[in-house]
Amino acid sequence: MAVKERIGLVVSDKMDKTVVVAIESRSPHKKYGKIMARTQRYKVHDAENSCSIGDRVRIQETRPMSRTKRWVVTDILTSAK
């Protein structure tokens, strides 16, 4: 079974060892065909508190760590200034 991986943008780092990552997907509307942007927010485990707002990160699905946290940061692709 393949491991799910996503790339997204950190939008919140206020929690301890947790960041919120927004992932935007674009797809056409079923009836009208206009490209719609859909944003999904994931709570992601960040063990070292190394991520900050604006970082582009790669996340990977893992075992449930809490009620809402099922993803973990694998690496930071670009850092915010």
PDB file of N, CA and C in Angstrom:
ATOM      1  N   MET A   1       0.838  -1.182   0.000  1.00  0.00           N
ATOM      2  CA  MET A   1       0.000   0.000   0.000  1.00  0.00           C
ATOM      3  C   MET A   1       0.883   1.246   0.000  1.00  0.00           C
ATOM      4  N   ALA A   2       0.569   2.184  -0.859  1.00  0.00           N
ATOM      5  CA  ALA A   2       1.371   3.402  -0.991  1.00  0.00           C
ATOM      6  C   ALA A   2       1.095   4.355   0.161  1.00  0.00           C
ATOM      7  N   VAL A   3       2.139   5.056   0.567  1.00  0.00           N
ATOM      8  CA  VAL A   3       2.020   6.033   1.643  1.00  0.00           C
ATOM      9  C   VAL A   3       1.553   7.358   1.045  1.00  0.00           C
ATOM     10  N   LYS A   4       0.540   7.966   1.652  1.00  0.00           N
ATOM     11  CA  LYS A   4       0.034   9.247   1.157  1.00  0.00           C
ATOM     12  C   LYS A   4       0.972  10.371   1.561  1.00  0.00           C
ATOM     13  N   GLU A   5       1.321  11.202   0.596  1.00  0.00           N
ATOM     14  CA  GLU A   5       2.154  12.378   0.847  1.00  0.00           C
ATOM     15  C   GLU A   5       1.509  13.576   0.183  1.00  0.00           C
ATOM     16  N   ARG A   6       1.624  14.728   0.821  1.00  0.00           N
ATOM     17  CA  ARG A   6       1.076  15.971   0.291  1.00  0.00           C
ATOM     18  C   ARG A   6       2.104  17.077   0.501  1.00  0.00           C
ATOM     19  N   ILE A   7       1.993  18.148  -0.285  1.00  0.00           N
ATOM     20  CA  ILE A   7       2.829  19.333  -0.118  1.00  0.00           C
ATOM     21  C   ILE A   7       1.903  20.509   0.125  1.00  0.00           C
ATOM     22  N   GLY A   8       2.190  21.270   1.195  1.00  0.00           N
ATOM     23  CA  GLY A   8       1.319  22.380   1.532  1.00  0.00           C
ATOM     24  C   GLY A   8       2.049  23.490   2.239  1.00  0.00           C
ATOM     25  N   LEU A   9       1.286  24.485   2.669  1.00  0.00           N
ATOM     26  CA  LEU A   9       1.807  25.688   3.281  1.00  0.00           C
ATOM     27  C   LEU A   9       1.386  25.745   4.745  1.00  0.00           C
ATOM     28  N   VAL A  10       2.328  26.042   5.636  1.00  0.00           N
ATOM     29  CA  VAL A  10       2.025  26.147   7.061  1.00  0.00           C
ATOM     30  C   VAL A  10       1.271  27.460   7.296  1.00  0.00           C
ATOM     31  N   VAL A  11       0.078  27.366   7.887  1.00  0.00           N
ATOM     32  CA  VAL A  11      -0.730  28.562   8.134  1.00  0.00           C
ATOM     33  C   VAL A  11      -0.839  28.889   9.618  1.00  0.00           C
ATOM     34  N   SER A  12      -0.457  27.957  10.498  1.00  0.00           N
ATOM     35  CA  SER A  12      -0.482  28.227  11.935  1.00  0.00           C
ATOM     36  C   SER A  12       0.549  27.355  12.633  1.00  0.00           C
ATOM     37  N   ASP A  13       1.263  27.962  13.614  1.00  0.00           N
ATOM     38  CA  ASP A  13       2.243  27.206  14.392  1.00  0.00           C
ATOM     39  C   ASP A  13       2.106  27.510  15.881  1.00  0.00           C
ATOM     40  N   LYS A  14       0.903  27.868  16.312  1.00  0.00           N
ATOM     41  CA  LYS A  14       0.699  28.295  17.696  1.00  0.00           C
ATOM     42  C   LYS A  14       0.659  27.142  18.697  1.00  0.00           C
ATOM     43  N   MET A  15       0.349  25.939  18.233  1.00  0.00           N
ATOM     44  CA  MET A  15       0.273  24.797  19.136  1.00  0.00           C
ATOM     45  C   MET A  15       1.653  24.186  19.357  1.00  0.00           C
ATOM     46  N   ASP A  16       1.819  23.474  20.470  1.00  0.00           N
ATOM     47  CA  ASP A  16       3.082  22.817  20.764  1.00  0.00           C
ATOM     48  C   ASP A  16       3.168  21.512  19.979  1.00  0.00           C
ATOM     49  N   LYS A  17       4.242  21.352  19.181  1.00  0.00           N
ATOM     50  CA  LYS A  17       4.515  20.156  18.383  1.00  0.00           C
ATOM     51  C   LYS A  17       3.436  19.874  17.338  1.00  0.00           C
ATOM     52  N   THR A  18       2.672  20.891  16.972  1.00  0.00           N
ATOM     53  CA  THR A  18       1.639  20.739  15.954  1.00  0.00           C
ATOM     54  C   THR A  18       1.598  21.987  15.088  1.00  0.00           C
ATOM     55  N   VAL A  19       1.468  21.792  13.778  1.00  0.00           N
ATOM     56  CA  VAL A  19       1.263  22.896  12.849  1.00  0.00           C
ATOM     57  C   VAL A  19       0.023  22.594  12.017  1.00  0.00           C
ATOM     58  N   VAL A  20      -0.583  23.652  11.485  1.00  0.00           N
ATOM     59  CA  VAL A  20      -1.714  23.490  10.584  1.00  0.00           C
ATOM     60  C   VAL A  20      -1.221  23.769   9.174  1.00  0.00           C
ATOM     61  N   VAL A  21      -1.429  22.802   8.276  1.00  0.00           N
ATOM     62  CA  VAL A  21      -0.959  22.902   6.901  1.00  0.00           C
ATOM     63  C   VAL A  21      -2.165  22.974   5.975  1.00  0.00           C
ATOM     64  N   ALA A  22      -2.176  23.994   5.104  1.00  0.00           N
ATOM     65  CA  ALA A  22      -3.249  24.164   4.120  1.00  0.00           C
ATOM     66  C   ALA A  22      -2.780  23.611   2.782  1.00  0.00           C
ATOM     67  N   ILE A  23      -3.616  22.764   2.191  1.00  0.00           N
ATOM     68  CA  ILE A  23      -3.312  22.170   0.894  1.00  0.00           C
ATOM     69  C   ILE A  23      -4.421  22.565  -0.065  1.00  0.00           C
ATOM     70  N   GLU A  24      -4.030  23.208  -1.164  1.00  0.00           N
ATOM     71  CA  GLU A  24      -5.009  23.693  -2.130  1.00  0.00           C
ATOM     72  C   GLU A  24      -5.061  22.753  -3.319  1.00  0.00           C
ATOM     73  N   SER A  25      -6.266  22.350  -3.689  1.00  0.00           N
ATOM     74  CA  SER A  25      -6.444  21.537  -4.884  1.00  0.00           C
ATOM     75  C   SER A  25      -7.377  22.289  -5.827  1.00  0.00           C
ATOM     76  N   ARG A  26      -7.074  22.225  -7.100  1.00  0.00           N
ATOM     77  CA  ARG A  26      -7.877  22.910  -8.109  1.00  0.00           C
ATOM     78  C   ARG A  26      -8.512  21.867  -9.016  1.00  0.00           C
ATOM     79  N   SER A  27      -9.818  22.008  -9.228  1.00  0.00           N
ATOM     80  CA  SER A  27     -10.521  21.083 -10.100  1.00  0.00           C
ATOM     81  C   SER A  27     -11.693  21.814 -10.748  1.00  0.00           C
ATOM     82  N   PRO A  28     -12.127  21.362 -11.919  1.00  0.00           N
ATOM     83  CA  PRO A  28     -13.239  22.027 -12.577  1.00  0.00           C
ATOM     84  C   PRO A  28     -14.579  21.705 -11.904  1.00  0.00           C
ATOM     85  N   HIS A  29     -15.483  22.687 -11.922  1.00  0.00           N
ATOM     86  CA  HIS A  29     -16.828  22.493 -11.399  1.00  0.00           C
ATOM     87  C   HIS A  29     -17.529  21.449 -12.267  1.00  0.00           C
ATOM     88  N   LYS A  30     -18.297  20.574 -11.649  1.00  0.00           N
ATOM     89  CA  LYS A  30     -18.905  19.469 -12.392  1.00  0.00           C
ATOM     90  C   LYS A  30     -19.859  19.943 -13.487  1.00  0.00           C
ATOM     91  N   LYS A  31     -20.624  20.994 -13.201  1.00  0.00           N
ATOM     92  CA  LYS A  31     -21.615  21.453 -14.172  1.00  0.00           C
ATOM     93  C   LYS A  31     -21.090  22.576 -15.063  1.00  0.00           C
ATOM     94  N   TYR A  32     -20.419  23.563 -14.466  1.00  0.00           N
ATOM     95  CA  TYR A  32     -20.081  24.772 -15.209  1.00  0.00           C
ATOM     96  C   TYR A  32     -18.661  24.793 -15.756  1.00  0.00           C
ATOM     97  N   GLY A  33     -17.778  23.947 -15.253  1.00  0.00           N
ATOM     98  CA  GLY A  33     -16.442  23.844 -15.808  1.00  0.00           C
ATOM     99  C   GLY A  33     -15.439  24.860 -15.288  1.00  0.00           C
ATOM    100  N   LYS A  34     -15.896  25.826 -14.478  1.00  0.00           N
ATOM    101  CA  LYS A  34     -14.966  26.822 -13.933  1.00  0.00           C
ATOM    102  C   LYS A  34     -14.005  26.126 -12.968  1.00  0.00           C
ATOM    103  N   ILE A  35     -12.740  26.539 -12.994  1.00  0.00           N
ATOM    104  CA  ILE A  35     -11.754  25.959 -12.091  1.00  0.00           C
ATOM    105  C   ILE A  35     -12.002  26.488 -10.683  1.00  0.00           C
ATOM    106  N   MET A  36     -12.247  25.578  -9.759  1.00  0.00           N
ATOM    107  CA  MET A  36     -12.530  25.923  -8.367  1.00  0.00           C
ATOM    108  C   MET A  36     -11.327  25.546  -7.510  1.00  0.00           C
ATOM    109  N   ALA A  37     -10.971  26.420  -6.583  1.00  0.00           N
ATOM    110  CA  ALA A  37      -9.878  26.143  -5.651  1.00  0.00           C
ATOM    111  C   ALA A  37     -10.483  25.676  -4.336  1.00  0.00           C
ATOM    112  N   ARG A  38     -10.059  24.521  -3.866  1.00  0.00           N
ATOM    113  CA  ARG A  38     -10.561  23.967  -2.610  1.00  0.00           C
ATOM    114  C   ARG A  38      -9.381  23.836  -1.664  1.00  0.00           C
ATOM    115  N   THR A  39      -9.510  24.396  -0.463  1.00  0.00           N
ATOM    116  CA  THR A  39      -8.431  24.349   0.519  1.00  0.00           C
ATOM    117  C   THR A  39      -8.808  23.405   1.641  1.00  0.00           C
ATOM    118  N   GLN A  40      -7.919  22.483   1.933  1.00  0.00           N
ATOM    119  CA  GLN A  40      -8.118  21.555   3.039  1.00  0.00           C
ATOM    120  C   GLN A  40      -7.010  21.778   4.056  1.00  0.00           C
ATOM    121  N   ARG A  41      -7.389  21.850   5.327  1.00  0.00           N
ATOM    122  CA  ARG A  41      -6.420  22.107   6.391  1.00  0.00           C
ATOM    123  C   ARG A  41      -6.208  20.836   7.210  1.00  0.00           C
ATOM    124  N   TYR A  42      -4.940  20.485   7.406  1.00  0.00           N
ATOM    125  CA  TYR A  42      -4.577  19.306   8.184  1.00  0.00           C
ATOM    126  C   TYR A  42      -3.793  19.735   9.414  1.00  0.00           C
ATOM    127  N   LYS A  43      -4.042  19.083  10.544  1.00  0.00           N
ATOM    128  CA  LYS A  43      -3.197  19.255  11.725  1.00  0.00           C
ATOM    129  C   LYS A  43      -2.082  18.229  11.597  1.00  0.00           C
ATOM    130  N   VAL A  44      -0.834  18.710  11.716  1.00  0.00           N
ATOM    131  CA  VAL A  44       0.332  17.888  11.401  1.00  0.00           C
ATOM    132  C   VAL A  44       1.291  17.905  12.576  1.00  0.00           C
ATOM    133  N   HIS A  45       1.851  16.732  12.899  1.00  0.00           N
ATOM    134  CA  HIS A  45       2.806  16.607  14.001  1.00  0.00           C
ATOM    135  C   HIS A  45       4.167  17.150  13.568  1.00  0.00           C
ATOM    136  N   ASP A  46       4.724  18.055  14.388  1.00  0.00           N
ATOM    137  CA  ASP A  46       6.043  18.650  14.150  1.00  0.00           C
ATOM    138  C   ASP A  46       6.837  18.493  15.440  1.00  0.00           C
ATOM    139  N   ALA A  47       7.557  17.384  15.562  1.00  0.00           N
ATOM    140  CA  ALA A  47       8.181  17.006  16.834  1.00  0.00           C
ATOM    141  C   ALA A  47       9.187  18.032  17.344  1.00  0.00           C
ATOM    142  N   GLU A  48       9.954  18.673  16.455  1.00  0.00           N
ATOM    143  CA  GLU A  48      10.997  19.606  16.887  1.00  0.00           C
ATOM    144  C   GLU A  48      10.530  21.056  16.917  1.00  0.00           C
ATOM    145  N   ASN A  49       9.269  21.334  16.622  1.00  0.00           N
ATOM    146  CA  ASN A  49       8.754  22.707  16.507  1.00  0.00           C
ATOM    147  C   ASN A  49       9.613  23.514  15.534  1.00  0.00           C
ATOM    148  N   SER A  50      10.010  22.903  14.422  1.00  0.00           N
ATOM    149  CA  SER A  50      10.915  23.553  13.483  1.00  0.00           C
ATOM    150  C   SER A  50      10.195  24.351  12.400  1.00  0.00           C
ATOM    151  N   CYS A  51       8.908  24.111  12.192  1.00  0.00           N
ATOM    152  CA  CYS A  51       8.168  24.816  11.147  1.00  0.00           C
ATOM    153  C   CYS A  51       7.669  26.161  11.651  1.00  0.00           C
ATOM    154  N   SER A  52       7.586  27.122  10.736  1.00  0.00           N
ATOM    155  CA  SER A  52       7.005  28.421  11.060  1.00  0.00           C
ATOM    156  C   SER A  52       6.010  28.795   9.962  1.00  0.00           C
ATOM    157  N   ILE A  53       5.216  29.815  10.209  1.00  0.00           N
ATOM    158  CA  ILE A  53       4.180  30.225   9.260  1.00  0.00           C
ATOM    159  C   ILE A  53       4.837  30.632   7.936  1.00  0.00           C
ATOM    160  N   GLY A  54       4.288  30.131   6.839  1.00  0.00           N
ATOM    161  CA  GLY A  54       4.807  30.457   5.516  1.00  0.00           C
ATOM    162  C   GLY A  54       5.730  29.404   4.939  1.00  0.00           C
ATOM    163  N   ASP A  55       6.146  28.422   5.735  1.00  0.00           N
ATOM    164  CA  ASP A  55       7.012  27.352   5.227  1.00  0.00           C
ATOM    165  C   ASP A  55       6.224  26.436   4.291  1.00  0.00           C
ATOM    166  N   ARG A  56       6.901  25.959   3.254  1.00  0.00           N
ATOM    167  CA  ARG A  56       6.314  24.951   2.365  1.00  0.00           C
ATOM    168  C   ARG A  56       6.863  23.611   2.829  1.00  0.00           C
ATOM    169  N   VAL A  57       5.971  22.679   3.195  1.00  0.00           N
ATOM    170  CA  VAL A  57       6.394  21.418   3.801  1.00  0.00           C
ATOM    171  C   VAL A  57       5.796  20.226   3.071  1.00  0.00           C
ATOM    172  N   ARG A  58       6.474  19.090   3.217  1.00  0.00           N
ATOM    173  CA  ARG A  58       5.952  17.809   2.740  1.00  0.00           C
ATOM    174  C   ARG A  58       5.456  17.051   3.959  1.00  0.00           C
ATOM    175  N   ILE A  59       4.216  16.549   3.899  1.00  0.00           N
ATOM    176  CA  ILE A  59       3.650  15.808   5.024  1.00  0.00           C
ATOM    177  C   ILE A  59       3.318  14.389   4.572  1.00  0.00           C
ATOM    178  N   GLN A  60       3.269  13.485   5.547  1.00  0.00           N
ATOM    179  CA  GLN A  60       3.027  12.076   5.262  1.00  0.00           C
ATOM    180  C   GLN A  60       2.006  11.536   6.248  1.00  0.00           C
ATOM    181  N   GLU A  61       1.104  10.715   5.759  1.00  0.00           N
ATOM    182  CA  GLU A  61       0.085  10.127   6.621  1.00  0.00           C
ATOM    183  C   GLU A  61       0.724   9.113   7.563  1.00  0.00           C
ATOM    184  N   THR A  62       0.220   9.070   8.804  1.00  0.00           N
ATOM    185  CA  THR A  62       0.767   8.172   9.812  1.00  0.00           C
ATOM    186  C   THR A  62      -0.365   7.692  10.720  1.00  0.00           C
ATOM    187  N   ARG A  63      -0.003   6.990  11.768  1.00  0.00           N
ATOM    188  CA  ARG A  63      -1.008   6.514  12.719  1.00  0.00           C
ATOM    189  C   ARG A  63      -1.655   7.712  13.413  1.00  0.00           C
ATOM    190  N   PRO A  64      -2.862   7.556  13.957  1.00  0.00           N
ATOM    191  CA  PRO A  64      -3.484   8.665  14.689  1.00  0.00           C
ATOM    192  C   PRO A  64      -2.680   9.036  15.930  1.00  0.00           C
ATOM    193  N   MET A  65      -2.329  10.315  16.055  1.00  0.00           N
ATOM    194  CA  MET A  65      -1.569  10.796  17.203  1.00  0.00           C
ATOM    195  C   MET A  65      -2.472  11.497  18.202  1.00  0.00           C
ATOM    196  N   SER A  66      -3.627  11.960  17.752  1.00  0.00           N
ATOM    197  CA  SER A  66      -4.631  12.559  18.627  1.00  0.00           C
ATOM    198  C   SER A  66      -5.968  12.457  17.895  1.00  0.00           C
ATOM    199  N   ARG A  67      -6.979  13.143  18.406  1.00  0.00           N
ATOM    200  CA  ARG A  67      -8.298  13.056  17.791  1.00  0.00           C
ATOM    201  C   ARG A  67      -8.310  13.595  16.368  1.00  0.00           C
ATOM    202  N   THR A  68      -7.504  14.624  16.098  1.00  0.00           N
ATOM    203  CA  THR A  68      -7.525  15.242  14.773  1.00  0.00           C
ATOM    204  C   THR A  68      -6.194  15.154  14.029  1.00  0.00           C
ATOM    205  N   LYS A  69      -5.161  14.637  14.645  1.00  0.00           N
ATOM    206  CA  LYS A  69      -3.817  14.667  14.061  1.00  0.00           C
ATOM    207  C   LYS A  69      -3.439  13.293  13.510  1.00  0.00           C
ATOM    208  N   ARG A  70      -3.326  13.211  12.158  1.00  0.00           N
ATOM    209  CA  ARG A  70      -2.976  11.948  11.507  1.00  0.00           C
ATOM    210  C   ARG A  70      -1.856  12.101  10.491  1.00  0.00           C
ATOM    211  N   TRP A  71      -1.161  13.226  10.500  1.00  0.00           N
ATOM    212  CA  TRP A  71      -0.095  13.495   9.548  1.00  0.00           C
ATOM    213  C   TRP A  71       1.162  13.916  10.295  1.00  0.00           C
ATOM    214  N   VAL A  72       2.325  13.753   9.664  1.00  0.00           N
ATOM    215  CA  VAL A  72       3.594  14.142  10.273  1.00  0.00           C
ATOM    216  C   VAL A  72       4.424  14.867   9.213  1.00  0.00           C
ATOM    217  N   VAL A  73       5.181  15.886   9.632  1.00  0.00           N
ATOM    218  CA  VAL A  73       6.057  16.632   8.725  1.00  0.00           C
ATOM    219  C   VAL A  73       7.268  15.757   8.406  1.00  0.00           C
ATOM    220  N   THR A  74       7.537  15.526   7.104  1.00  0.00           N
ATOM    221  CA  THR A  74       8.719  14.766   6.741  1.00  0.00           C
ATOM    222  C   THR A  74       9.897  15.677   6.429  1.00  0.00           C
ATOM    223  N   ASP A  75       9.659  16.784   5.705  1.00  0.00           N
ATOM    224  CA  ASP A  75      10.743  17.740   5.487  1.00  0.00           C
ATOM    225  C   ASP A  75      10.183  19.103   5.102  1.00  0.00           C
ATOM    226  N   ILE A  76      11.020  20.128   5.338  1.00  0.00           N
ATOM    227  CA  ILE A  76      10.662  21.502   4.990  1.00  0.00           C
ATOM    228  C   ILE A  76      11.287  21.796   3.632  1.00  0.00           C
ATOM    229  N   LEU A  77      10.448  22.101   2.643  1.00  0.00           N
ATOM    230  CA  LEU A  77      10.952  22.336   1.289  1.00  0.00           C
ATOM    231  C   LEU A  77      11.523  23.749   1.159  1.00  0.00           C
ATOM    232  N   THR A  78      10.768  24.756   1.573  1.00  0.00           N
ATOM    233  CA  THR A  78      11.262  26.136   1.571  1.00  0.00           C
ATOM    234  C   THR A  78      10.858  26.791   2.872  1.00  0.00           C
ATOM    235  N   SER A  79      11.755  27.593   3.410  1.00  0.00           N
ATOM    236  CA  SER A  79      11.477  28.288   4.661  1.00  0.00           C
ATOM    237  C   SER A  79      10.980  29.695   4.380  1.00  0.00           C
ATOM    238  N   ALA A  80      10.132  30.192   5.270  1.00  0.00           N
ATOM    239  CA  ALA A  80       9.677  31.573   5.169  1.00  0.00           C
ATOM    240  C   ALA A  80      10.797  32.482   5.667  1.00  0.00           C
ATOM    241  N   LYS A  81      10.767  33.705   5.227  1.00  0.00           N
ATOM    242  CA  LYS A  81      11.846  34.632   5.635  1.00  0.00           C
ATOM    243  C   LYS A  81      11.697  35.148   7.000  1.00  0.00           C
TER     244      LYS A  81
END
